[in-house]
Protein backbone atom coordinates (compact mmCIF):
# COMPACT_ATOMS: atom_id res chain seq x y z
CA MET A 1 0.25 0.14 -0.20
CA TYR A 2 1.20 3.30 -1.14
CA PRO A 3 1.70 6.13 1.64
CA LEU A 4 -0.38 8.98 0.29
CA MET A 5 -0.52 12.39 2.01
CA LEU A 6 -3.74 13.26 0.54
CA THR A 7 -5.70 10.49 1.68
CA LYS A 8 -5.84 11.98 5.03
CA SER A 9 -4.03 10.93 8.42
CA THR A 10 -4.39 7.39 9.23
CA THR A 11 -2.72 7.58 12.53
CA PHE A 12 -4.40 5.96 15.54
CA ILE A 13 -7.04 8.09 17.23
CA ILE A 14 -5.69 11.26 15.47
CA GLY A 15 -6.96 9.90 12.04
CA PRO A 16 -10.64 9.54 12.87
CA VAL A 17 -10.73 12.83 14.70
CA ALA A 18 -9.05 14.72 11.74
CA GLU A 19 -11.86 13.01 9.46
CA VAL A 20 -14.41 14.76 11.76
CA LEU A 21 -12.53 18.06 11.99
CA GLY A 22 -12.00 17.93 8.21
CA LEU A 23 -15.70 17.52 7.55
CA LEU A 24 -16.19 20.86 9.78
CA MET A 25 -13.63 22.57 7.70
CA ASN A 26 -15.07 21.52 4.29
CA GLY A 27 -18.65 22.59 5.91
CA ILE A 28 -17.15 26.01 6.64
CA PHE A 29 -15.50 26.73 3.14
CA TRP A 30 -18.89 25.35 1.45
CA VAL A 31 -20.77 28.02 3.31
CA LEU A 32 -18.14 30.93 2.46
CA ASN A 33 -18.27 29.94 -0.91
CA LYS A 34 -21.92 30.12 -1.10
CA ILE A 35 -21.94 33.51 0.27
CA GLY A 36 -19.27 34.66 -2.47
CA ILE A 37 -15.79 34.59 -0.11
CA PRO A 38 -14.24 31.19 -0.34
CA ASN A 39 -11.11 31.81 1.56
CA ILE A 40 -8.83 29.63 3.54
CA GLY A 41 -7.66 32.26 5.91
CA LEU A 42 -11.22 32.97 7.04
CA SER A 43 -11.96 29.51 7.23
CA ILE A 44 -9.22 28.51 9.65
CA ILE A 45 -10.37 31.63 11.72
CA PHE A 46 -13.76 30.35 11.93
CA PHE A 47 -12.64 26.79 12.36
CA THR A 48 -10.65 27.92 15.30
CA ILE A 49 -13.10 29.63 16.90
CA ILE A 50 -15.59 26.75 16.67
CA ILE A 51 -13.08 24.09 18.03
CA TYR A 52 -11.82 26.43 21.09
CA MET A 53 -15.56 27.08 21.88
CA ALA A 54 -16.33 23.33 21.97
CA LEU A 55 -13.08 22.68 24.29
CA MET A 56 -13.91 25.59 26.68
CA PRO A 57 -15.56 23.20 29.18
CA LEU A 58 -12.63 21.39 29.62
CA THR A 59 -10.52 24.31 29.72
CA VAL A 60 -12.74 25.71 32.59
CA LYS A 61 -12.23 22.30 34.46
CA GLN A 62 -8.69 22.61 33.96
CA GLN A 63 -8.46 25.97 35.59
CA LYS A 64 -10.74 25.03 38.59
CA PHE A 65 -8.40 21.94 39.34
CA SER A 66 -5.49 24.41 39.29
CA LYS A 67 -7.34 26.70 41.72
CA LEU A 68 -7.91 23.84 44.06
CA GLN A 69 -4.13 22.36 43.71
CA SER A 70 -3.02 25.60 45.20
CA LYS A 71 -5.25 24.96 48.17
CA MET A 72 -4.12 21.55 48.31
CA THR A 73 -0.37 22.05 47.69
CA PRO A 74 0.79 22.99 51.62
CA GLU A 75 -0.99 19.80 52.73
CA ILE A 76 0.56 17.46 50.11
CA ASN A 77 3.98 19.04 50.93
CA LYS A 78 3.48 18.33 54.32
CA ILE A 79 2.85 14.69 53.74
CA GLN A 80 5.48 14.23 51.30
CA ALA A 81 8.07 15.99 54.09
CA LYS A 82 6.74 13.57 56.81
CA TYR A 83 7.59 10.48 54.75
CA LYS A 84 10.78 12.01 52.89
CA ASN A 85 13.39 9.47 54.08
CA LYS A 86 11.15 6.71 54.62
CA LYS A 87 11.43 4.14 51.54
CA ASP A 88 10.03 1.16 53.07
CA GLN A 89 6.78 -0.32 51.67
CA ASP A 90 4.55 0.17 54.72
CA SER A 91 5.64 4.04 55.03
CA MET A 92 4.92 4.44 51.17
CA MET A 93 1.75 3.02 51.38
CA LYS A 94 0.95 5.34 54.58
CA GLN A 95 2.06 8.01 52.51
CA ASN A 96 -0.42 7.19 49.47
CA GLU A 97 -3.36 6.65 51.95
CA GLU A 98 -2.94 10.18 53.62
CA MET A 99 -2.25 11.89 50.25
CA GLN A 100 -5.58 10.08 48.66
CA ALA A 101 -7.36 11.17 51.93
CA VAL A 102 -6.36 15.06 51.02
CA TYR A 103 -7.89 14.59 47.45
CA LYS A 104 -11.12 13.04 48.83
CA LYS A 105 -11.14 15.84 51.29
CA TYR A 106 -11.02 18.40 48.18
CA GLY A 107 -13.25 16.16 46.10
CA VAL A 108 -10.79 16.04 43.19
CA SER A 109 -9.01 12.72 41.76
CA ALA A 110 -5.12 12.54 41.81
CA SER A 111 -4.98 12.54 37.92
CA GLY A 112 -6.57 16.17 38.20
CA SER A 113 -6.58 17.65 34.75
CA CYS A 114 -4.90 15.08 32.97
CA VAL A 115 -8.13 13.52 31.77
CA GLN A 116 -8.72 16.82 29.94
CA LEU A 117 -5.36 17.35 28.35
CA ILE A 118 -5.70 13.66 27.24
CA ILE A 119 -8.86 14.55 25.46
CA GLN A 120 -7.42 17.72 24.01
CA MET A 121 -4.27 16.30 22.50
CA PRO A 122 -5.62 14.28 19.83
CA ILE A 123 -7.79 17.29 18.85
CA LEU A 124 -4.99 19.41 18.90
CA PHE A 125 -2.71 17.32 16.66
CA ALA A 126 -5.80 16.38 14.41
CA LEU A 127 -5.98 20.19 14.13
CA TYR A 128 -2.56 20.53 12.84
CA GLN A 129 -3.34 17.57 10.10
CA VAL A 130 -6.55 19.23 8.88
CA ILE A 131 -4.90 22.70 8.55
CA TYR A 132 -1.48 21.35 7.10
CA LYS A 133 -3.34 19.14 4.52
CA ILE A 134 -6.30 21.57 3.47
CA PRO A 135 -6.74 19.84 -0.13
CA ALA A 136 -6.90 16.42 1.35
CA TYR A 137 -10.00 17.47 3.42
CA VAL A 138 -11.35 20.24 1.54
CA THR A 139 -13.23 19.13 -1.71
CA GLN A 140 -13.45 22.37 -3.38
CA VAL A 141 -9.43 23.03 -2.75
CA LYS A 142 -8.52 19.76 -4.11
CA ASP A 143 -10.70 20.09 -7.28
CA ALA A 144 -8.95 23.36 -8.08
CA PHE A 145 -5.75 21.18 -9.09
CA PHE A 146 -8.02 19.66 -11.87
CA PRO A 147 -7.74 19.32 -15.14
CA LEU A 148 -3.80 20.51 -14.60
CA VAL A 149 -3.23 17.19 -12.82
CA THR A 150 -4.77 14.89 -15.37
CA ASN A 151 -3.06 16.49 -18.13
CA LEU A 152 0.34 16.64 -16.35
CA ILE A 153 0.03 12.57 -15.98
CA SER A 154 -0.19 12.44 -19.81
CA GLN A 155 2.30 15.21 -20.46
CA SER A 156 5.79 13.56 -21.32
CA GLY A 157 8.62 14.41 -18.90
CA ALA A 158 6.22 16.10 -16.41
CA ILE A 159 6.45 13.41 -13.73
CA GLU A 160 10.37 13.29 -13.85
CA TYR A 161 10.16 16.82 -13.63
CA LEU A 162 8.08 17.24 -10.35
CA GLN A 163 10.00 14.58 -8.60
CA GLY A 164 13.18 16.99 -8.86
CA THR A 165 11.14 20.05 -7.46
CA THR A 166 11.96 21.16 -4.16
CA ALA A 167 8.37 20.72 -3.00
CA ALA A 168 8.50 16.83 -3.94
CA LYS A 169 11.88 16.64 -1.75
CA THR A 170 10.06 17.52 1.34
CA PHE A 171 8.25 14.27 0.96
CA ALA A 172 11.39 12.33 0.80
CA ASN A 173 10.38 10.05 3.53
CA GLN A 174 6.98 9.48 2.53
CA PHE A 175 7.09 9.21 -1.30
CA THR A 176 8.70 6.58 -3.13
CA SER A 177 9.13 6.29 -7.05
CA ALA A 178 5.61 4.04 -7.06
CA ASN A 179 3.81 7.14 -5.83
CA PHE A 180 4.66 9.01 -9.05
CA THR A 181 4.79 6.00 -11.52
CA GLY A 182 2.02 3.95 -9.86
CA ASN A 183 -1.51 2.88 -11.25
CA VAL A 184 -3.24 2.25 -8.16
CA GLY A 185 -6.29 4.12 -7.76
CA SER A 186 -5.70 7.93 -7.53
CA THR A 187 -2.28 7.16 -6.10
CA VAL A 188 -0.06 9.47 -8.78
CA SER A 189 -3.36 12.15 -8.83
CA ASN A 190 -2.87 12.55 -4.94
CA THR A 191 0.82 12.68 -4.90
CA LEU A 192 0.98 15.39 -7.64
CA ILE A 193 -1.72 17.18 -5.58
CA ASP A 194 0.48 17.15 -2.71
CA VAL A 195 3.50 18.22 -4.55
CA LEU A 196 1.85 21.21 -6.30
CA ASN A 197 0.07 22.02 -2.93
CA LYS A 198 3.70 22.86 -1.71
CA PHE A 199 4.54 24.82 -4.48
CA SER A 200 5.99 28.43 -4.18
CA THR A 201 5.11 31.25 -6.57
CA ALA A 202 8.57 30.72 -8.28
CA GLU A 203 8.03 27.10 -8.78
CA TRP A 204 4.73 27.73 -10.53
CA THR A 205 6.24 30.07 -12.72
CA ALA A 206 9.13 27.35 -13.57
CA LEU A 207 6.41 24.87 -14.05
CA ALA A 208 4.68 27.13 -16.59
CA ASP A 209 8.34 27.80 -18.33
CA LYS A 210 8.71 24.20 -18.53
CA PHE A 211 5.50 23.07 -20.14
CA PRO A 212 4.07 26.04 -22.12
CA SER A 213 1.38 23.90 -23.63
CA LEU A 214 0.02 23.70 -19.82
CA GLY A 215 -0.17 27.59 -19.60
CA VAL A 216 -3.96 27.89 -19.53
CA GLU A 217 -4.55 25.02 -17.00
CA ILE A 218 -1.41 26.37 -14.86
CA THR A 219 -3.07 29.84 -14.83
CA ASN A 220 -6.35 28.80 -13.94
CA THR A 221 -5.28 26.62 -11.13
CA THR A 222 -2.93 29.20 -9.57
CA SER A 223 -5.84 31.81 -9.98
CA LEU A 224 -8.23 29.84 -8.11
CA LEU A 225 -5.45 28.82 -5.34
CA THR A 226 -4.64 32.47 -5.03
CA ARG A 227 -8.26 33.52 -4.64
CA TYR A 228 -8.71 30.68 -2.13
CA ASN A 229 -5.51 31.33 -0.35
CA ASN A 230 -5.05 35.08 -0.25
CA PHE A 231 -6.00 36.48 3.06
CA LEU A 232 -5.17 40.49 3.73
CA GLY A 233 -2.70 40.39 0.65
CA LEU A 234 -0.71 37.30 2.14
CA ASN A 235 -0.75 34.06 0.51
CA MET A 236 -1.60 31.28 3.14
CA GLY A 237 0.19 28.87 0.99
CA ASP A 238 3.60 30.39 1.22
CA SER A 239 6.04 30.82 4.17
CA PRO A 240 6.39 34.36 5.61
CA TRP A 241 10.18 34.00 5.06
CA PHE A 242 9.74 33.08 1.57
CA ALA A 243 6.94 35.76 1.07
CA MET A 244 9.26 38.55 2.42
CA LYS A 245 12.24 37.50 0.23
CA THR A 246 10.28 37.37 -2.97
CA TYR A 247 8.38 40.85 -2.26
CA TRP A 248 11.77 42.31 -1.25
CA ALA A 249 13.43 41.31 -4.11
CA ALA A 250 10.67 42.45 -6.50
CA GLY A 251 10.88 45.88 -4.89
CA VAL A 252 7.21 45.57 -3.06
CA TYR A 253 8.65 46.34 0.38
CA GLY A 254 5.09 47.33 1.97
CA LEU A 255 3.96 43.29 1.19
CA ALA A 256 7.58 42.50 2.30
CA ILE A 257 7.01 44.01 5.54
CA ALA A 258 3.63 42.37 6.01
CA SER A 259 4.83 39.27 5.58
CA VAL A 260 6.43 39.27 9.02
CA PHE A 261 3.20 40.41 10.42
CA ILE A 262 1.77 36.75 11.16
CA PRO A 263 4.94 35.56 12.93
CA VAL A 264 5.41 38.77 15.20
CA LEU A 265 1.72 38.61 16.04
CA SER A 266 1.94 35.08 16.77
CA ALA A 267 4.75 35.85 19.31
CA VAL A 268 2.94 38.76 20.69
CA THR A 269 -0.53 36.61 21.34
CA GLN A 270 1.32 33.73 22.73
CA TRP A 271 3.12 35.89 25.43
CA VAL A 272 -0.25 37.74 26.28
CA ASN A 273 -1.80 34.36 26.57
CA ILE A 274 0.83 33.01 28.86
CA LYS A 275 0.47 35.93 30.81
CA LEU A 276 -3.19 35.39 31.23
CA MET A 277 -2.90 32.02 32.58
CA PRO A 278 -2.87 31.48 36.20
CA GLN A 279 0.70 31.36 37.80
CA GLN A 280 2.01 28.87 40.01
CA GLN A 281 3.51 30.12 43.21
CA ALA A 282 6.41 28.82 45.16
CA THR A 283 5.54 25.63 47.15
CA GLY A 284 8.67 24.89 49.25
CA ASN A 285 9.07 21.46 47.86
CA GLN A 286 12.56 21.85 45.92
CA GLN A 287 11.49 19.31 43.28
CA GLN A 288 8.31 20.79 42.40
CA ASP A 289 9.71 24.58 42.71
CA SER A 290 12.73 23.42 40.14
CA MET A 291 9.79 22.01 37.91
CA MET A 292 7.92 25.32 38.00
CA ASN A 293 11.25 27.41 37.59
CA SER A 294 11.76 25.12 34.25
CA MET A 295 8.09 25.73 33.12
CA LYS A 296 8.67 29.45 33.49
CA THR A 297 11.62 29.51 31.25
CA MET A 298 9.70 27.49 28.66
CA ASN A 299 6.70 30.07 28.84
CA LEU A 300 9.51 32.64 27.67
CA LEU A 301 10.86 30.68 25.09
CA MET A 302 7.49 29.80 23.70
CA PRO A 303 6.73 33.00 21.98
CA LEU A 304 10.17 33.14 20.33
CA MET A 305 9.72 29.58 19.18
CA SER A 306 6.20 30.32 17.91
CA ALA A 307 7.84 33.29 15.84
CA TYR A 308 10.42 30.86 14.23
CA PHE A 309 7.95 28.49 13.19
CA CYS A 310 5.65 30.86 11.81
CA PHE A 311 8.41 32.09 9.52
CA THR A 312 9.21 28.75 8.06
CA LEU A 313 5.93 27.29 7.88
CA PRO A 314 3.00 28.25 5.55
CA ALA A 315 1.30 31.23 6.88
CA GLY A 316 -1.91 29.33 7.18
CA MET A 317 -0.48 27.61 10.12
CA GLY A 318 0.78 30.73 11.54
CA LEU A 319 -2.77 32.29 11.28
CA TYR A 320 -3.88 29.13 13.13
CA TRP A 321 -1.71 29.88 16.03
CA VAL A 322 -2.34 33.55 16.04
CA ALA A 323 -6.25 32.94 16.07
CA GLY A 324 -5.89 30.25 18.60
CA ALA A 325 -3.73 32.41 20.92
CA VAL A 326 -6.50 35.47 20.45
CA ILE A 327 -9.30 32.97 21.30
CA ARG A 328 -7.57 31.27 24.36
CA SER A 329 -6.60 35.01 25.48
CA VAL A 330 -10.50 36.06 25.43
CA GLN A 331 -11.50 32.78 27.03
CA GLN A 332 -8.73 33.25 29.93
CA VAL A 333 -10.29 36.72 30.89
CA PHE A 334 -13.81 35.34 31.01
CA ILE A 335 -12.49 32.22 33.14
CA ASN A 336 -10.35 34.44 35.37
CA LYS A 337 -13.43 36.55 36.35
CA HIS A 338 -15.57 33.66 36.78
CA ILE A 339 -13.04 31.49 39.05
CA ASP A 340 -11.93 34.47 41.05
CA LYS A 341 -15.64 34.95 41.88
CA MET A 342 -16.22 31.50 43.00
CA ASP A 343 -16.05 30.55 46.48
CA ILE A 344 -13.50 28.13 46.86
CA ASP A 345 -14.56 26.59 50.33
CA ALA A 346 -17.95 26.05 48.67
CA MET A 347 -16.66 24.27 45.73
CA ILE A 348 -14.87 22.02 48.05
CA ALA A 349 -17.91 21.22 50.03
CA LYS A 350 -19.86 20.61 46.89
CA ASN A 351 -16.85 18.14 45.71
CA LEU A 352 -17.10 16.37 48.98
CA GLU A 353 -20.51 15.96 49.06
CA LYS A 354 -20.66 14.25 45.43
CA GLN A 355 -17.50 12.18 46.59
CA GLN A 356 -19.64 11.00 49.56
CA LYS A 357 -22.60 10.33 47.55
CA LYS A 358 -20.56 8.27 45.22
CA ILE A 359 -19.05 6.31 47.83
CA ALA A 360 -22.50 5.50 49.50
CA LYS A 361 -23.99 4.66 46.11
CA SER A 362 -21.08 2.04 45.97
CA GLU A 363 -21.10 0.55 49.07
CA GLY A 364 -25.09 0.28 48.80
CA ARG A 365 -24.75 -1.75 45.51
CA GLU A 366 -25.09 -5.14 47.00
CA THR A 367 -26.08 -7.76 44.35
CA ILE A 368 -28.60 -10.45 44.89
CA SER A 369 -25.67 -13.05 44.76
CA GLN A 370 -23.74 -11.64 47.42
CA ARG A 371 -26.92 -11.08 49.78
CA MET A 372 -27.63 -14.95 49.32
CA MET A 373 -23.94 -15.63 49.94
CA ASN A 374 -24.21 -13.61 53.01
CA GLN A 375 -27.27 -15.25 54.30
CA TYR A 376 -26.36 -18.71 53.53
CA SER A 377 -22.91 -18.38 55.11
CA GLN A 378 -24.37 -16.76 58.39
CA MET A 379 -26.96 -19.52 58.36
CA ASN A 380 -24.85 -22.62 58.14
CA THR A 381 -21.97 -20.87 60.29
CA LYS A 382 -24.58 -21.03 62.82
CA SER A 383 -25.09 -24.60 62.20
CA ILE A 384 -21.58 -25.29 62.54
CA GLU A 385 -21.46 -23.92 65.94
CA SER A 386 -24.83 -25.19 67.34
CA GLY A 387 -25.12 -28.54 65.53
CA THR A 388 -28.80 -28.16 65.39
CA THR A 389 -29.59 -28.50 61.35
CA ALA A 390 -31.48 -31.24 60.00
CA LYS A 391 -28.73 -32.53 58.30
CA ASN A 392 -26.28 -32.90 61.15
CA THR A 393 -29.31 -33.86 63.85
CA GLY A 394 -28.23 -37.16 65.62
CA MET A 395 -24.75 -36.87 64.82
CA THR A 396 -22.08 -37.92 67.33
CA GLN A 397 -19.64 -35.33 68.64
CA LYS A 398 -17.09 -37.42 66.91
CA GLN A 399 -18.63 -37.39 63.63
CA LYS A 400 -19.10 -33.66 63.85
CA ASP A 401 -15.47 -33.07 64.63
CA ASN A 402 -14.52 -35.38 61.68
CA ALA A 403 -16.75 -33.16 59.32
CA LEU A 404 -15.41 -30.07 60.51
CA ARG A 405 -11.79 -31.33 60.08
CA ASN A 406 -12.75 -32.33 56.50
CA ALA A 407 -14.18 -29.07 55.67
CA ASP A 408 -11.22 -27.20 57.21
CA ARG A 409 -8.79 -29.37 55.28
CA LYS A 410 -10.85 -28.64 51.99
CA TYR A 411 -10.62 -24.92 52.80
CA GLU A 412 -7.01 -24.98 53.28
CA ASN A 413 -6.29 -26.64 49.91
CA ARG A 414 -8.72 -24.69 47.86
CA THR A 415 -7.43 -21.88 45.52
CA TYR A 416 -9.97 -19.05 47.15
CA ARG A 417 -8.47 -16.35 48.76
CA LYS A 418 -8.47 -17.23 52.51
CA ASP A 419 -11.08 -15.23 54.43
CA SER A 420 -12.93 -14.18 51.37
CA MET A 421 -16.80 -14.84 51.35
CA ALA A 422 -16.36 -17.53 48.68
CA ALA A 423 -13.99 -19.51 50.55
CA LYS A 424 -16.31 -19.53 53.71
CA VAL A 425 -19.30 -20.51 51.76
CA ASN A 426 -17.72 -23.57 50.40
CA MET A 427 -16.23 -24.48 53.82
CA VAL A 428 -19.82 -24.55 55.19
CA ARG A 429 -21.02 -26.50 51.92
CA ASP A 430 -18.35 -29.32 52.39
CA PHE A 431 -18.91 -29.47 56.10
CA ASN A 432 -22.83 -30.30 55.42
CA ASP A 433 -21.88 -32.44 52.61
CA THR A 434 -19.70 -34.27 54.82
CA SER A 435 -21.94 -34.16 57.91
CA SER A 436 -25.22 -35.14 55.86
CA GLY A 437 -24.45 -38.69 56.77
CA PRO A 438 -21.83 -40.82 58.09
CA LYS A 439 -19.57 -41.85 55.30
CA GLN A 440 -17.06 -44.85 55.55
CA SER A 441 -14.36 -42.52 55.95
CA ASP A 442 -16.00 -40.99 58.86
CA THR A 443 -16.56 -44.42 60.37
CA ASP A 444 -13.00 -45.72 60.11
CA SER A 445 -11.81 -42.49 61.36
CA GLY A 446 -14.30 -43.01 64.51
CA LYS A 447 -13.07 -46.59 64.82
CA GLU A 448 -9.26 -45.26 64.62
CA ASP A 449 -10.16 -42.76 67.61
CA LYS A 450 -11.49 -45.25 69.62
């Protein structure tokens, strides 16, 4: 099976999520086209808004946990200090029990916001797949490459030429020669679309010069792609670094400077977003404080890294990061106001109440079979002690002792966990089976005892 970039992501979990998000992106583009503004830049902005609004409940839960964590941290640190130099199993178990008690006290789980992060991670990775491979998920953008791709396949020397382009070399680890020469379904068509989708303006010009007979198809395709990709004068398919060099060399200094706008805006919005996030305070725990300082250093570097990546990746990715940072910042302002107004003590009390109801419900969920086992065990355990059931009435003391020893021996040899309900019930059953009537073994034992 050939690896196809245009066949959408097939990565575990991320692939199906990207498929769903791709349908959303395709729907947004279709609506924009219907109202006469089919634009990838606008589609990315609306797409990002919808996704982050959908993720907002998870973000709020994450922020609530952070707020509760600031209240729990002193108690957790105290427990950790208490068992700091105790590495034996008993001490570690006691430490874990005391920490679990603190989590129960505040009505939160030890995993905290991990669940929210686990849910968000596949979504964020899938977002990247959709935006980076727009033609794979947006039907109208893919259709813009036809009939050019069909004519390129039939054009002598065109396949070999495309294989040698800079755009094709970016897929060196994904494509093989079979992707360009195979005849399995739409393999070659998809491969050419992937390559052409990465073409710079200079590469489109070179392609037109190399195959002048395809000039009309090339012009129509680039016109459509320009219409789709152009956002505020910037081509969402070009990297800002490439656009800046191209416009500067052409003497179009205004657009050259504007090309830097997205990377700079990305760094600024990322910095604002980080500043709005709740800041952790020193805990007094050396390990945690060290991790907190490392996180602060990363927070300082992230805006710079964001600017760098936005320079080198297509402007559409940079626009997504800018839109995401702006939306997160706006959300964070409202979340901060919401959480600041919250009564933390009331929140803790509410969480505790939920926890206690959950425990009570769990403890009260006794199945019919468990009740039967309990009743059977209690009834027959009493019969062992009193020896008054119908089965053992009339048994001699010696026979009772033999039956009890026999049941006990079976109890010891069984695979049931000792002291479990199943073990006790089966012990009683064995006693009753043995005591239901004098067996030869019991008679023999009795004779031997005599």
